[in-house]
Amino acid sequence: MVTHGGFIMEFLNVVRLLKRQKMRLVNDGDNTALYIIKIYCKQCGNECKKDDDSCSLEFDLVLLNDSTHLDYMK
């Protein structure tokens, strides 16, 4: 997904709150930075096969604000 840095900051704050972590109120993301957020079912694993509301989503912040793909420009 490509999106605005403000949305990324707010989305990460929601994930942090769900994980009982402190929110960050500063958007310090680099331009064109990469973020990887793994979202999966806590009960079923990667592929949830249940058709009811008994599952709950888990969020893992795998990669945050990575701009190493721009290192060749330095």
Protein backbone atom coordinates (compact mmCIF):
# COMPACT_ATOMS: atom_id res chain seq x y z
CA MET A 1 0.00 0.00 0.00
CA VAL A 2 1.23 3.49 -0.73
CA THR A 3 -0.12 6.16 1.58
CA HIS A 4 0.52 9.43 3.35
CA GLY A 5 2.91 9.57 6.32
CA GLY A 6 0.18 10.93 8.58
CA PHE A 7 -1.95 7.83 7.99
CA ILE A 8 1.03 5.56 8.70
CA MET A 9 1.72 7.39 11.98
CA GLU A 10 -1.90 7.06 13.11
CA PHE A 11 -2.13 3.40 12.04
CA LEU A 12 1.06 2.59 13.96
CA ASN A 13 -0.36 4.38 17.01
CA VAL A 14 -3.46 2.17 16.89
CA VAL A 15 -1.23 -0.92 16.72
CA ARG A 16 0.87 0.39 19.61
CA LEU A 17 -2.24 0.97 21.73
CA LEU A 18 -3.45 -2.57 21.00
CA LYS A 19 -0.06 -3.85 22.15
CA ARG A 20 -0.22 -1.59 25.24
CA GLN A 21 2.72 0.48 24.05
CA LYS A 22 3.15 4.23 24.20
CA MET A 23 1.85 6.29 21.27
CA ARG A 24 4.20 8.52 19.26
CA LEU A 25 2.87 11.94 18.39
CA VAL A 26 5.61 12.91 15.92
CA ASN A 27 5.60 11.85 12.30
CA ASP A 28 9.30 11.09 11.85
CA GLY A 29 8.94 8.69 8.93
CA ASP A 30 11.34 9.17 6.04
CA ASN A 31 9.97 9.83 2.56
CA THR A 32 9.49 6.56 0.65
CA ALA A 33 10.28 4.52 3.78
CA LEU A 34 9.09 0.92 3.97
CA TYR A 35 6.94 -0.51 6.75
CA ILE A 36 5.98 -4.16 7.19
CA ILE A 37 3.14 -4.98 9.55
CA LYS A 38 2.17 -8.62 9.91
CA ILE A 39 -1.54 -9.09 10.62
CA TYR A 40 -2.76 -12.55 11.55
CA CYS A 41 -5.38 -14.42 13.54
CA LYS A 42 -4.16 -15.07 17.07
CA GLN A 43 -6.08 -18.36 17.36
CA CYS A 44 -5.70 -19.81 13.87
CA GLY A 45 -2.32 -18.53 12.73
CA ASN A 46 -1.74 -16.99 9.32
CA GLU A 47 -4.88 -18.27 7.64
CA CYS A 48 -8.04 -17.87 9.66
CA LYS A 49 -10.64 -20.42 8.60
CA LYS A 50 -13.38 -19.62 11.10
CA ASP A 51 -16.62 -17.97 10.03
CA ASP A 52 -17.45 -16.46 13.39
CA ASP A 53 -16.28 -13.60 15.58
CA SER A 54 -14.22 -15.77 17.94
CA CYS A 55 -10.95 -14.84 16.26
CA SER A 56 -8.88 -11.83 17.18
CA LEU A 57 -6.28 -10.13 15.06
CA GLU A 58 -2.68 -9.74 16.15
CA PHE A 59 -0.35 -7.08 14.75
CA ASP A 60 3.44 -7.42 14.65
CA LEU A 61 5.56 -4.42 13.65
CA VAL A 62 8.20 -6.19 11.56
CA LEU A 63 9.94 -3.31 9.76
CA LEU A 64 9.59 0.39 10.53
CA ASN A 65 10.83 3.42 8.63
CA ASP A 66 13.36 1.52 6.52
CA SER A 67 14.88 3.59 3.73
CA THR A 68 17.93 1.45 2.99
CA HIS A 69 16.65 1.00 -0.57
CA LEU A 70 17.78 4.60 -1.12
CA ASP A 71 21.38 4.00 0.02
CA TYR A 72 22.60 3.76 -3.56
CA MET A 73 21.80 7.47 -3.98
CA LYS A 74 24.28 8.59 -1.33
